[in-house]
Amino acid sequence: MGNSVNNDQEQQDKIKFLTQELLRVQKNLVEQFYTDSLTRLPNLYQLRHDLEEGSDFTLIIANIDNFKLLNDFYGFVVGDFILESFAKSLKTELNEVPVYRIAGDEFAILVGKRMSFYLLKNYLTHLSKQLTHLKYAYAQTEIYVDCTLSSSASFTSDDIFSKVNMALKYAKKEQLKFWIYEDTMNFSQEYESNLKYATKVRKAIVDFSGIVPYFQPIIDNKTNEIIKFEALSRLVDEDGAIHSPHNFIPVAKMIKVYDKITMAIIDKSFQVFESHAYDFSINLSFEDIINQDIYDFIICKLRDSNMGHRVTFELLESEKVNDFNKVIHFFNEIKRYGAKVAIDDFGSGFSNFSYITKLSPDFIKIDGSLIKDIDQDKNAQIIVETIVDFSKKLGIKTVAEFVHSSTVLSTVKQLGIDYSQGYFIDMPSPHILK
């Protein structure tokens, strides 16, 4: 009888122990689920839970400036150290106010009361000063960290994350220390509009194949005859509306379909000029040139088409080139197939003569900002005369862009520019106009 009682007690003790152990494990798992493993701060899941539990609060987001740059430069170990240190700075500064790590370099602060716009503005002004030029020492290296803050003074807490994130993006874009979302702002409409346009661009490029080349003629200034055409990209959406590259190319880059535009223009231009005897030119950015898929596509086209001697590739935005050796290599490779090269928009931005000697182009296209008023602007005439004289000495042909009147064309000819293009000569068209 005694043994039976003892066995029952042992079983009960064992069950009690296992139950306690199970509860402990369960508690640890819950804590892990709601805790960021690096900083030991509560995470996004905990923040969402706390927001659902309360109704009277102010949400603030703190985003470390240039964290990717810091992480890439110093390495991920130092990157983690920066995140941990910044988390400690927030906890120290905010004392009892809850702080969360909600993304890689993004932290949230949950103030337990709803602040009016002016009270919130004062709060963020003080907080941003306290979080400016934070200095952290790692292995005898001093690292300085800044952050951008955002919040919302909306009348409701609906879509609070969207509102605070929109304010953060605006602050980042305008390089402000902080920004506060208000209901009077049209951020949400703007974001919705951008999203719809991005969807339209993606559909036109990927599904609808709506990228088409328009062709603008270039004339010989001595004979007034058309000697070639420049292929310019246009986007035709499913409703038949035509969009300018100034509108859709930035969006295409953002949604990572820009390379499809370049390849579509190259492919369709080669198809068109198979049945037209004119030479033609195609624009390329530095981004295109260093893209291996685009490089292979161009070399394939040149090799298989036997049209290399008729095509010129124009380098856009030359001031954004950060590796001239790659451009020189690309130019040398396409010249093997007879292709020519041009520097577009010369005379704008940070254009200079030094990279002309490095790249040895066949053509220099003088930017429209210098050409558009050249019939009246003496300073522009002096600059263009210098470009033309420099080019002639190097055996490089010149092209005037933005020739929009007879007086501009007359001045361009007097200055000795070899070729011209612009609306006075003809508008870009989807057809080759003789």
Protein backbone atom coordinates (compact mmCIF):
# COMPACT_ATOMS: atom_id res chain seq x y z
CA MET A 1 0.00 0.00 0.00
CA GLY A 2 2.80 2.38 0.92
CA ASN A 3 4.61 1.73 -2.35
CA SER A 4 1.43 2.53 -4.30
CA VAL A 5 1.05 5.89 -2.54
CA ASN A 6 4.70 6.72 -3.19
CA ASN A 7 4.34 5.84 -6.88
CA ASP A 8 1.28 8.06 -7.18
CA GLN A 9 3.13 10.96 -5.55
CA GLU A 10 6.11 10.47 -7.86
CA GLN A 11 3.80 10.49 -10.87
CA GLN A 12 2.13 13.68 -9.68
CA ASP A 13 5.51 15.34 -9.02
CA LYS A 14 6.71 14.28 -12.47
CA ILE A 15 3.55 15.66 -14.12
CA LYS A 16 3.90 18.90 -12.16
CA PHE A 17 7.56 19.21 -13.19
CA LEU A 18 6.80 18.53 -16.85
CA THR A 19 3.92 21.00 -16.77
CA GLN A 20 6.16 23.70 -15.28
CA GLU A 21 8.90 22.90 -17.83
CA LEU A 22 6.39 23.08 -20.66
CA LEU A 23 5.12 26.43 -19.42
CA ARG A 24 8.70 27.71 -19.15
CA VAL A 25 9.53 26.60 -22.71
CA GLN A 26 6.27 28.08 -23.95
CA LYS A 27 7.05 31.37 -22.23
CA ASN A 28 10.57 31.43 -23.75
CA LEU A 29 9.17 30.75 -27.22
CA VAL A 30 6.64 33.57 -26.85
CA GLU A 31 9.38 35.93 -25.65
CA GLN A 32 11.59 34.98 -28.60
CA PHE A 33 8.71 35.56 -31.00
CA TYR A 34 8.16 39.07 -29.65
CA THR A 35 11.85 40.03 -29.15
CA ASP A 36 14.54 41.17 -31.58
CA SER A 37 17.46 38.77 -31.16
CA LEU A 38 20.21 41.36 -31.76
CA THR A 39 19.14 44.35 -29.67
CA ARG A 40 16.84 42.47 -27.24
CA LEU A 41 14.23 45.14 -27.92
CA PRO A 42 10.61 44.17 -28.54
CA ASN A 43 10.05 43.64 -32.27
CA LEU A 44 7.43 44.49 -34.89
CA TYR A 45 5.06 41.75 -33.69
CA GLN A 46 5.12 43.18 -30.17
CA LEU A 47 4.54 46.68 -31.53
CA ARG A 48 1.51 45.53 -33.55
CA HIS A 49 0.15 43.81 -30.44
CA ASP A 50 0.68 46.93 -28.30
CA LEU A 51 -0.98 49.15 -30.92
CA GLU A 52 -4.02 46.90 -30.99
CA GLU A 53 -4.24 46.97 -27.19
CA GLY A 54 -4.14 50.77 -26.91
CA SER A 55 -5.96 53.68 -28.54
CA ASP A 56 -4.25 56.71 -27.03
CA PHE A 57 -0.69 56.80 -28.35
CA THR A 58 1.78 58.54 -30.69
CA LEU A 59 3.94 56.41 -32.95
CA ILE A 60 7.39 57.67 -33.95
CA ILE A 61 9.84 55.97 -36.32
CA ALA A 62 13.60 56.52 -36.11
CA ASN A 63 15.63 55.44 -39.15
CA ILE A 64 19.45 55.40 -39.11
CA ASP A 65 20.83 57.56 -41.95
CA ASN A 66 23.02 55.85 -44.55
CA PHE A 67 23.10 52.58 -42.62
CA LYS A 68 23.72 50.51 -45.76
CA LEU A 69 26.75 52.67 -46.55
CA LEU A 70 28.07 52.23 -43.00
CA ASN A 71 27.40 48.48 -43.09
CA ASP A 72 29.10 48.06 -46.49
CA PHE A 73 32.09 50.18 -45.50
CA TYR A 74 32.77 48.74 -42.04
CA GLY A 75 31.29 45.25 -42.46
CA PHE A 76 28.29 43.50 -40.91
CA VAL A 77 29.98 42.99 -37.50
CA VAL A 78 30.36 46.75 -37.07
CA GLY A 79 26.90 47.17 -38.59
CA ASP A 80 25.45 45.02 -35.82
CA PHE A 81 27.45 47.01 -33.27
CA ILE A 82 25.93 50.25 -34.63
CA LEU A 83 22.42 48.82 -34.37
CA GLU A 84 22.99 47.66 -30.78
CA SER A 85 24.55 51.00 -29.82
CA PHE A 86 21.75 53.01 -31.41
CA ALA A 87 19.19 50.86 -29.57
CA LYS A 88 20.93 51.67 -26.28
CA SER A 89 20.99 55.39 -27.15
CA LEU A 90 17.24 55.34 -27.76
CA LYS A 91 16.52 53.51 -24.50
CA THR A 92 18.78 55.88 -22.55
CA GLU A 93 17.26 59.00 -24.09
CA LEU A 94 13.64 57.85 -23.87
CA ASN A 95 13.90 56.29 -20.39
CA GLU A 96 10.53 54.60 -19.72
CA VAL A 97 9.06 55.12 -23.22
CA PRO A 98 8.83 51.78 -25.10
CA VAL A 99 11.33 51.35 -27.96
CA TYR A 100 11.09 48.65 -30.64
CA ARG A 101 13.29 47.43 -33.46
CA ILE A 102 10.90 46.89 -36.37
CA ALA A 103 13.25 46.43 -39.36
CA GLY A 104 16.95 46.35 -40.21
CA ASP A 105 17.83 49.99 -39.47
CA GLU A 106 14.39 51.13 -38.33
CA PHE A 107 13.19 51.61 -34.78
CA ALA A 108 9.81 52.60 -33.35
CA ILE A 109 8.96 54.69 -30.29
CA LEU A 110 5.50 54.41 -28.73
CA VAL A 111 4.57 57.41 -26.62
CA GLY A 112 1.63 56.57 -24.34
CA LYS A 113 -0.50 59.60 -25.23
CA ARG A 114 -1.81 61.26 -28.36
CA MET A 115 0.14 64.46 -29.00
CA SER A 116 -1.17 67.48 -30.88
CA PHE A 117 0.83 68.67 -33.90
CA TYR A 118 2.70 71.44 -32.05
CA LEU A 119 3.44 69.32 -29.01
CA LEU A 120 4.69 66.55 -31.29
CA LYS A 121 6.79 69.02 -33.27
CA ASN A 122 8.50 70.23 -30.08
CA TYR A 123 9.02 66.64 -28.94
CA LEU A 124 10.65 65.64 -32.26
CA THR A 125 12.75 68.81 -32.37
CA HIS A 126 14.22 67.96 -28.96
CA LEU A 127 14.62 64.26 -29.78
CA SER A 128 16.35 64.92 -33.11
CA LYS A 129 18.88 67.18 -31.38
CA GLN A 130 19.62 64.46 -28.83
CA LEU A 131 20.11 61.88 -31.61
CA THR A 132 22.35 63.99 -33.83
CA HIS A 133 26.01 63.01 -34.38
CA LEU A 134 25.94 60.07 -32.01
CA LYS A 135 29.50 58.89 -31.53
CA TYR A 136 30.28 55.20 -31.06
CA ALA A 137 33.78 53.79 -30.60
CA TYR A 138 34.61 50.40 -32.08
CA ALA A 139 38.18 49.03 -31.97
CA GLN A 140 39.68 52.53 -31.67
CA THR A 141 37.53 53.76 -34.58
CA GLU A 142 35.01 56.55 -33.99
CA ILE A 143 31.75 56.13 -35.92
CA TYR A 144 29.23 58.95 -36.15
CA VAL A 145 25.56 58.14 -36.60
CA ASP A 146 22.54 60.33 -37.38
CA CYS A 147 18.90 59.44 -37.85
CA THR A 148 15.68 60.69 -39.42
CA LEU A 149 12.42 60.77 -37.44
CA SER A 150 8.79 60.70 -38.53
CA SER A 151 5.39 60.60 -36.91
CA SER A 152 1.71 61.33 -37.51
CA ALA A 153 -0.65 63.96 -36.16
CA SER A 154 -3.62 62.39 -37.93
CA PHE A 155 -7.05 62.52 -36.26
CA THR A 156 -7.30 58.73 -36.38
CA SER A 157 -4.91 55.83 -35.94
CA ASP A 158 -6.14 54.12 -39.11
CA ASP A 159 -3.27 53.07 -41.39
CA ILE A 160 -0.85 54.51 -38.84
CA PHE A 161 2.15 52.62 -40.27
CA SER A 162 1.46 53.89 -43.78
CA LYS A 163 1.13 57.47 -42.57
CA VAL A 164 4.32 57.45 -40.53
CA ASN A 165 6.23 55.68 -43.32
CA MET A 166 5.05 58.23 -45.87
CA ALA A 167 6.30 60.98 -43.58
CA LEU A 168 9.65 59.18 -43.21
CA LYS A 169 10.08 58.83 -46.99
CA TYR A 170 9.30 62.51 -47.43
CA ALA A 171 11.80 63.51 -44.73
CA LYS A 172 14.48 61.32 -46.35
CA LYS A 173 13.75 62.70 -49.81
CA GLU A 174 13.92 66.32 -48.62
CA GLN A 175 16.86 65.61 -46.26
CA LEU A 176 14.92 66.83 -43.22
CA LYS A 177 15.60 65.79 -39.63
CA PHE A 178 11.94 64.82 -39.17
CA TRP A 179 8.48 65.14 -40.69
CA ILE A 180 4.96 64.81 -39.31
CA TYR A 181 2.08 63.41 -41.35
CA GLU A 182 -1.12 65.49 -41.31
CA ASP A 183 -4.52 64.65 -42.77
CA THR A 184 -4.38 67.73 -45.00
CA MET A 185 -1.41 66.29 -46.91
CA ASN A 186 -2.04 64.44 -50.16
CA PHE A 187 0.68 61.85 -49.56
CA SER A 188 -1.71 58.92 -49.80
CA GLN A 189 -3.18 60.12 -53.10
CA GLU A 190 0.33 60.69 -54.46
CA TYR A 191 1.48 57.22 -53.40
CA GLU A 192 -1.65 55.64 -54.86
CA SER A 193 -1.07 57.51 -58.12
CA ASN A 194 2.58 56.41 -58.21
CA LEU A 195 1.57 52.81 -57.55
CA LYS A 196 -0.97 52.86 -60.37
CA TYR A 197 1.57 54.39 -62.77
CA ALA A 198 4.20 51.80 -61.77
CA THR A 199 1.66 49.05 -62.50
CA LYS A 200 0.92 50.63 -65.88
CA VAL A 201 4.64 50.82 -66.71
CA ARG A 202 5.29 47.22 -65.66
CA LYS A 203 2.33 45.97 -67.70
CA ALA A 204 3.42 47.91 -70.78
CA ILE A 205 7.02 46.70 -70.54
CA VAL A 206 6.61 43.11 -69.37
CA ASP A 207 3.16 41.97 -70.50
CA PHE A 208 2.09 44.32 -73.26
CA SER A 209 5.52 44.98 -74.84
CA GLY A 210 4.53 48.61 -75.14
CA ILE A 211 8.06 50.01 -75.55
CA VAL A 212 8.47 51.39 -79.08
CA PRO A 213 11.17 53.46 -80.79
CA TYR A 214 10.37 56.87 -82.21
CA PHE A 215 12.83 58.20 -84.78
CA GLN A 216 14.13 61.76 -85.11
CA PRO A 217 16.13 62.68 -88.22
CA ILE A 218 19.61 64.20 -88.13
CA ILE A 219 20.69 66.32 -91.10
CA ASP A 220 24.05 67.18 -92.64
CA ASN A 221 24.42 70.94 -92.18
CA LYS A 222 26.23 71.32 -95.52
CA THR A 223 23.69 69.48 -97.70
CA ASN A 224 20.52 69.72 -95.54
CA GLU A 225 19.95 66.02 -96.25
CA ILE A 226 18.90 63.46 -93.67
CA ILE A 227 21.88 61.20 -92.99
CA LYS A 228 20.68 59.23 -89.96
CA PHE A 229 17.95 58.84 -87.32
CA GLU A 230 18.12 58.72 -83.53
CA ALA A 231 15.93 56.07 -81.87
CA LEU A 232 14.07 57.50 -78.86
CA SER A 233 12.05 55.35 -76.45
CA ARG A 234 8.32 55.81 -75.94
CA LEU A 235 5.86 53.80 -73.87
CA VAL A 236 2.44 53.04 -75.33
CA ASP A 237 0.07 51.76 -72.65
CA GLU A 238 -2.91 49.43 -73.15
CA ASP A 239 -5.19 52.44 -73.69
CA GLY A 240 -2.98 53.72 -76.51
CA ALA A 241 -1.63 56.69 -74.53
CA ILE A 242 1.99 57.62 -75.32
CA HIS A 243 4.34 58.32 -72.39
CA SER A 244 7.62 60.26 -72.38
CA PRO A 245 10.82 58.56 -71.15
CA HIS A 246 11.19 61.34 -68.57
CA ASN A 247 8.09 59.89 -66.89
CA PHE A 248 8.45 56.13 -67.27
CA ILE A 249 12.21 55.50 -67.15
CA PRO A 250 12.65 56.55 -63.47
CA VAL A 251 9.72 54.27 -62.60
CA ALA A 252 11.17 51.43 -64.70
CA LYS A 253 14.46 51.73 -62.80
CA MET A 254 12.63 51.71 -59.48
CA ILE A 255 10.71 48.52 -60.31
CA LYS A 256 13.82 46.97 -61.92
CA VAL A 257 12.61 46.52 -65.51
CA TYR A 258 14.78 49.24 -67.07
CA ASP A 259 17.00 46.73 -68.89
CA LYS A 260 13.97 45.48 -70.82
CA ILE A 261 13.47 48.98 -72.24
CA THR A 262 17.02 49.16 -73.59
CA MET A 263 16.86 45.70 -75.17
CA ALA A 264 13.43 46.40 -76.69
CA ILE A 265 14.64 49.64 -78.32
CA ILE A 266 17.79 47.95 -79.65
CA ASP A 267 15.87 44.97 -81.02
CA LYS A 268 13.08 47.00 -82.65
CA SER A 269 15.47 49.60 -84.10
CA PHE A 270 17.58 46.92 -85.76
CA GLN A 271 14.37 45.41 -87.21
CA VAL A 272 13.22 48.77 -88.63
CA PHE A 273 16.55 49.62 -90.28
CA GLU A 274 16.85 46.25 -91.94
CA SER A 275 14.47 47.69 -94.52
CA HIS A 276 15.78 51.28 -94.47
CA ALA A 277 19.23 52.26 -95.71
CA TYR A 278 19.82 55.06 -93.19
CA ASP A 279 22.33 54.95 -90.35
CA PHE A 280 20.79 55.09 -86.88
CA SER A 281 21.79 55.80 -83.27
CA ILE A 282 20.67 54.28 -79.96
CA ASN A 283 21.05 55.75 -76.46
CA LEU A 284 22.83 53.84 -73.70
CA SER A 285 23.39 54.79 -70.07
CA PHE A 286 26.41 53.74 -68.02
CA GLU A 287 24.00 51.38 -66.25
CA ASP A 288 23.34 49.71 -69.62
CA ILE A 289 27.01 49.40 -70.46
CA ILE A 290 27.92 47.56 -67.25
CA ASN A 291 24.89 45.25 -67.51
CA GLN A 292 26.25 41.92 -68.73
CA ASP A 293 22.92 40.84 -70.29
CA ILE A 294 22.65 44.05 -72.31
CA TYR A 295 26.32 43.85 -73.32
CA ASP A 296 25.86 40.27 -74.59
CA PHE A 297 22.64 41.26 -76.37
CA ILE A 298 24.38 44.15 -78.20
CA ILE A 299 27.36 42.04 -79.24
CA CYS A 300 24.96 39.35 -80.54
CA LYS A 301 23.02 41.94 -82.56
CA LEU A 302 26.17 43.42 -84.05
CA ARG A 303 27.59 40.01 -84.89
CA ASP A 304 24.44 38.53 -86.43
CA SER A 305 22.95 41.55 -88.21
CA ASN A 306 25.90 42.74 -90.30
CA MET A 307 24.62 46.27 -89.53
CA GLY A 308 27.36 47.34 -87.12
CA HIS A 309 28.80 49.93 -89.52
CA ARG A 310 25.41 51.71 -89.61
CA VAL A 311 24.76 52.07 -85.88
CA THR A 312 26.03 54.63 -83.36
CA PHE A 313 25.67 54.10 -79.62
CA GLU A 314 25.26 57.34 -77.66
CA LEU A 315 26.47 57.51 -74.05
CA LEU A 316 23.94 59.36 -71.90
CA GLU A 317 24.62 61.23 -68.65
CA SER A 318 28.38 61.10 -69.01
CA GLU A 319 28.91 62.77 -65.64
CA LYS A 320 27.47 59.66 -63.95
CA VAL A 321 30.20 57.41 -65.35
CA ASN A 322 32.28 56.19 -62.40
CA ASP A 323 34.48 53.71 -64.25
CA PHE A 324 35.82 54.93 -67.58
CA ASN A 325 37.78 51.72 -68.10
CA LYS A 326 34.52 49.77 -68.44
CA VAL A 327 33.19 52.30 -70.95
CA ILE A 328 36.44 52.22 -72.94
CA HIS A 329 36.33 48.41 -73.00
CA PHE A 330 32.73 48.48 -74.22
CA PHE A 331 33.51 51.07 -76.91
CA ASN A 332 36.51 49.05 -78.14
CA GLU A 333 34.40 45.88 -78.36
CA ILE A 334 31.55 47.40 -80.38
CA LYS A 335 34.01 49.16 -82.70
CA ARG A 336 35.29 45.73 -83.70
CA TYR A 337 31.96 45.32 -85.51
CA GLY A 338 32.13 48.75 -87.15
CA ALA A 339 29.83 50.53 -84.67
CA LYS A 340 30.46 54.16 -83.81
CA VAL A 341 30.13 55.96 -80.49
CA ALA A 342 28.84 59.38 -79.46
CA ILE A 343 28.87 61.42 -76.27
CA ASP A 344 25.37 62.80 -75.72
CA ASP A 345 24.40 66.08 -74.01
CA PHE A 346 27.95 67.43 -74.03
CA GLY A 347 28.14 70.82 -72.34
CA SER A 348 25.57 70.03 -69.62
CA GLY A 349 26.12 69.01 -65.99
CA PHE A 350 29.73 68.16 -65.25
CA SER A 351 30.77 67.57 -68.87
CA ASN A 352 34.44 68.22 -69.44
CA PHE A 353 37.03 67.73 -72.14
CA SER A 354 39.21 65.28 -70.24
CA TYR A 355 36.97 62.26 -70.71
CA ILE A 356 36.63 63.01 -74.44
CA THR A 357 40.31 62.22 -74.84
CA LYS A 358 39.82 59.03 -72.82
CA LEU A 359 36.79 57.78 -74.73
CA SER A 360 37.75 58.86 -78.29
CA PRO A 361 34.16 59.16 -79.58
CA ASP A 362 33.20 59.54 -83.23
CA PHE A 363 30.59 62.20 -82.43
CA ILE A 364 29.95 64.83 -79.75
CA LYS A 365 26.32 65.89 -79.39
CA ILE A 366 26.19 69.43 -78.03
CA ASP A 367 23.53 69.78 -75.36
CA GLY A 368 20.30 71.61 -76.11
CA SER A 369 20.83 73.99 -73.18
CA LEU A 370 23.65 75.57 -75.19
CA ILE A 371 21.88 75.39 -78.56
CA LYS A 372 18.33 76.57 -77.83
CA ASP A 373 19.22 80.30 -77.52
CA ILE A 374 22.51 80.27 -79.40
CA ASP A 375 21.23 82.78 -81.96
CA GLN A 376 20.99 85.37 -79.16
CA ASP A 377 23.32 84.15 -76.39
CA LYS A 378 26.92 85.28 -77.03
CA ASN A 379 28.28 83.26 -74.10
CA ALA A 380 26.74 80.09 -75.50
CA GLN A 381 28.30 80.87 -78.87
CA ILE A 382 31.75 81.17 -77.29
CA ILE A 383 31.37 77.85 -75.46
CA VAL A 384 30.11 76.06 -78.57
CA GLU A 385 32.92 77.55 -80.69
CA THR A 386 35.39 76.08 -78.18
CA ILE A 387 33.72 72.65 -78.35
CA VAL A 388 33.67 72.69 -82.16
CA ASP A 389 37.31 73.78 -82.43
CA PHE A 390 38.40 71.14 -79.91
CA SER A 391 36.44 68.44 -81.75
CA LYS A 392 37.78 69.33 -85.20
CA LYS A 393 41.35 69.08 -83.94
CA LEU A 394 40.62 65.55 -82.67
CA GLY A 395 38.72 64.54 -85.80
CA ILE A 396 35.40 64.25 -83.96
CA LYS A 397 32.15 65.22 -85.69
CA THR A 398 29.68 67.49 -83.86
CA VAL A 399 25.88 67.39 -83.66
CA ALA A 400 23.64 70.23 -82.46
CA GLU A 401 20.61 69.14 -80.44
CA PHE A 402 17.42 71.15 -79.88
CA VAL A 403 17.48 73.06 -83.18
CA HIS A 404 14.00 74.55 -82.98
CA SER A 405 14.09 77.53 -85.38
CA SER A 406 15.60 78.71 -88.65
CA THR A 407 17.75 81.32 -86.87
CA VAL A 408 19.19 78.68 -84.51
CA LEU A 409 19.95 76.40 -87.48
CA SER A 410 21.62 79.29 -89.32
CA THR A 411 23.82 80.09 -86.28
CA VAL A 412 24.70 76.43 -85.82
CA LYS A 413 25.86 76.23 -89.45
CA GLN A 414 27.93 79.42 -89.09
CA LEU A 415 29.71 77.94 -86.07
CA GLY A 416 30.82 74.94 -88.13
CA ILE A 417 28.76 72.23 -86.41
CA ASP A 418 28.54 69.21 -88.73
CA TYR A 419 25.01 67.92 -88.07
CA SER A 420 21.71 69.11 -86.56
CA GLN A 421 18.54 67.65 -85.07
CA GLY A 422 15.52 69.23 -83.44
CA TYR A 423 11.85 70.08 -83.85
CA PHE A 424 12.56 72.62 -86.62
CA ILE A 425 13.97 69.78 -88.70
CA ASP A 426 11.36 67.21 -87.67
CA MET A 427 9.54 65.80 -84.67
CA PRO A 428 10.23 62.24 -83.45
CA SER A 429 7.91 59.77 -85.22
CA PRO A 430 7.25 56.02 -85.03
CA HIS A 431 7.87 55.94 -88.81
CA ILE A 432 10.95 56.69 -90.88
CA LEU A 433 10.09 59.89 -92.71
CA LYS A 434 12.22 60.63 -95.79
